Amino acid sequence: MLRIVLMICAPLWGTLAVADSVMEKPEFSRQDPRSWVVMVTQPNCSFCTRLENEILQPLRASGQFDNVVRFTAVDIGAASPLVDFDGSPTTTIQFANRYQGFGTPTLLFLSPKGEVLAPPKFGVPDVIDFYAYEIEETIRGLPSVN
């Protein structure tokens, strides 16, 4: 029976759309006038996955913040190399610690130069609809950095 199901479904696998991460590469030293929304994450963080899928993906897909912010993630599961805002080398853990991104998920709101624009947001509450609104309003309230 399983073999029949696999044979029927196999041709469809190539046509299934798989949603990629909404996150850009964390290229902090690249010149760009937009601010950053940085999610501090780690492997197997179910709350991080929920935050990305239920809040960050829809915000980015809406296009309403395309000219305002870039979305990225910094994985603190290992001390991976990262280029900081000033072009100096750092690690993902050092970067997250500097901005108090100790737990996951943590959302950071940073200027193109790495300045904190709004207080970080920690975790994901049970009622995610209000949290989505809160994040959206935080982005809307970010000071202009142009």
Protein backbone atom coordinates (compact mmCIF):
# COMPACT_ATOMS: atom_id res chain seq x y z
CA MET A 1 0.00 0.00 0.00
CA LEU A 2 2.77 2.44 0.93
CA ARG A 3 4.51 1.70 -2.35
CA ILE A 4 1.38 2.65 -4.27
CA VAL A 5 1.04 5.93 -2.36
CA LEU A 6 4.69 6.76 -3.00
CA MET A 7 4.32 5.99 -6.69
CA ILE A 8 1.27 8.22 -6.95
CA CYS A 9 2.81 11.09 -4.95
CA ALA A 10 6.33 10.94 -6.37
CA PRO A 11 5.53 12.91 -9.56
CA LEU A 12 3.99 15.68 -7.44
CA TRP A 13 7.08 16.24 -5.27
CA GLY A 14 8.81 18.30 -7.91
CA THR A 15 5.89 20.72 -8.06
CA LEU A 16 5.41 21.31 -4.36
CA ALA A 17 6.33 24.80 -3.25
CA VAL A 18 8.54 24.80 -0.21
CA ALA A 19 8.74 28.08 1.66
CA ASP A 20 12.30 29.22 2.12
CA SER A 21 13.37 31.28 5.07
CA VAL A 22 12.46 34.95 4.84
CA MET A 23 15.80 35.86 6.28
CA GLU A 24 18.51 37.60 4.33
CA LYS A 25 22.13 36.77 4.94
CA PRO A 26 23.40 38.80 7.92
CA GLU A 27 25.64 41.07 5.85
CA PHE A 28 25.76 43.85 8.41
CA SER A 29 28.71 45.71 6.88
CA ARG A 30 27.01 46.04 3.47
CA GLN A 31 25.95 49.61 2.79
CA ASP A 32 22.17 49.90 2.85
CA PRO A 33 19.99 52.61 4.44
CA ARG A 34 17.45 50.14 5.82
CA SER A 35 17.42 49.03 9.44
CA TRP A 36 17.63 45.42 10.60
CA VAL A 37 15.17 43.10 12.32
CA VAL A 38 17.46 40.36 13.62
CA MET A 39 16.08 37.11 15.04
CA VAL A 40 18.49 35.41 17.41
CA THR A 41 17.84 31.73 16.89
CA GLN A 42 19.34 28.28 17.35
CA PRO A 43 18.78 24.83 15.87
CA ASN A 44 15.63 22.99 16.92
CA CYS A 45 14.05 26.11 18.41
CA SER A 46 10.35 25.49 17.81
CA PHE A 47 9.45 28.98 19.04
CA CYS A 48 11.90 30.47 16.51
CA THR A 49 10.25 28.49 13.73
CA ARG A 50 6.84 29.66 14.89
CA LEU A 51 7.97 33.30 15.02
CA GLU A 52 9.44 33.09 11.54
CA ASN A 53 6.50 31.25 9.97
CA GLU A 54 3.60 33.05 11.65
CA ILE A 55 4.94 36.60 11.97
CA LEU A 56 8.13 37.38 10.06
CA GLN A 57 7.25 35.60 6.80
CA PRO A 58 3.87 37.37 6.49
CA LEU A 59 5.43 40.74 7.36
CA ARG A 60 8.08 40.35 4.72
CA ALA A 61 5.69 38.88 2.14
CA SER A 62 3.37 41.87 2.55
CA GLY A 63 6.06 44.12 1.09
CA GLN A 64 5.00 47.00 3.31
CA PHE A 65 8.42 47.17 5.00
CA ASP A 66 10.65 46.47 1.97
CA ASN A 67 12.05 50.01 2.02
CA VAL A 68 12.32 50.18 5.81
CA VAL A 69 13.93 47.02 7.21
CA ARG A 70 15.80 43.87 6.32
CA PHE A 71 15.05 40.62 8.13
CA THR A 72 17.88 38.30 9.12
CA ALA A 73 18.76 35.64 11.65
CA VAL A 74 21.81 35.03 13.80
CA ASP A 75 22.19 31.42 14.89
CA ILE A 76 23.79 31.07 18.33
CA GLY A 77 23.81 27.28 18.22
CA ALA A 78 27.53 27.53 17.46
CA ALA A 79 30.01 30.41 17.44
CA SER A 80 29.97 30.85 13.67
CA PRO A 81 32.04 33.62 12.08
CA LEU A 82 30.21 36.84 11.27
CA VAL A 83 31.25 40.21 9.88
CA ASP A 84 30.10 43.01 12.16
CA PHE A 85 28.65 46.39 11.17
CA ASP A 86 32.09 48.02 11.06
CA GLY A 87 33.56 45.19 8.98
CA SER A 88 35.41 43.58 11.88
CA PRO A 89 35.23 39.83 12.49
CA THR A 90 33.08 38.51 15.31
CA THR A 91 31.02 35.42 16.02
CA THR A 92 27.28 34.92 16.13
CA ILE A 93 27.42 34.38 19.90
CA GLN A 94 29.46 37.52 20.54
CA PHE A 95 27.09 39.50 18.33
CA ALA A 96 23.99 38.22 20.13
CA ASN A 97 25.52 38.77 23.58
CA ARG A 98 26.35 42.39 22.75
CA TYR A 99 22.65 43.02 22.12
CA GLN A 100 21.43 40.86 25.03
CA GLY A 101 20.13 38.16 22.71
CA PHE A 102 20.72 35.42 25.27
CA GLY A 103 17.54 33.39 24.74
CA THR A 104 15.82 32.28 21.60
CA PRO A 105 13.99 33.67 19.92
CA THR A 106 15.00 37.26 20.54
CA LEU A 107 14.15 40.00 18.06
CA LEU A 108 16.59 42.88 17.76
CA PHE A 109 15.81 46.16 16.03
CA LEU A 110 19.06 47.72 14.82
CA SER A 111 20.13 50.63 12.65
CA PRO A 112 22.37 50.10 9.61
CA LYS A 113 25.27 51.05 11.90
CA GLY A 114 24.30 48.60 14.65
CA GLU A 115 22.63 51.03 17.03
CA VAL A 116 19.68 49.76 19.04
CA LEU A 117 16.49 51.39 17.72
CA ALA A 118 13.94 49.67 19.98
CA PRO A 119 14.04 47.34 22.98
CA PRO A 120 14.51 43.67 22.10
CA LYS A 121 11.55 41.32 22.15
CA PHE A 122 12.07 38.00 23.90
CA GLY A 123 10.24 34.73 23.27
CA VAL A 124 6.86 34.08 21.71
CA PRO A 125 3.65 34.42 23.74
CA ASP A 126 0.73 32.03 23.47
CA VAL A 127 -1.50 34.64 21.81
CA ILE A 128 0.61 35.34 18.76
CA ASP A 129 -1.85 37.68 17.00
CA PHE A 130 -1.22 40.49 19.47
CA TYR A 131 2.52 39.85 19.31
CA ALA A 132 2.45 40.15 15.52
CA TYR A 133 0.71 43.51 15.89
CA GLU A 134 3.27 44.60 18.50
CA ILE A 135 6.19 43.70 16.22
CA GLU A 136 4.57 45.46 13.27
CA GLU A 137 4.03 48.59 15.35
CA THR A 138 7.62 48.46 16.58
CA ILE A 139 8.83 48.39 12.98
CA ARG A 140 6.50 51.26 12.05
CA GLY A 141 7.86 53.27 15.00
CA LEU A 142 11.54 52.81 14.16
CA PRO A 143 13.28 56.14 13.72
CA SER A 144 14.28 57.07 10.20
CA VAL A 145 17.97 56.49 9.67
CA ASN A 146 18.30 58.08 6.20
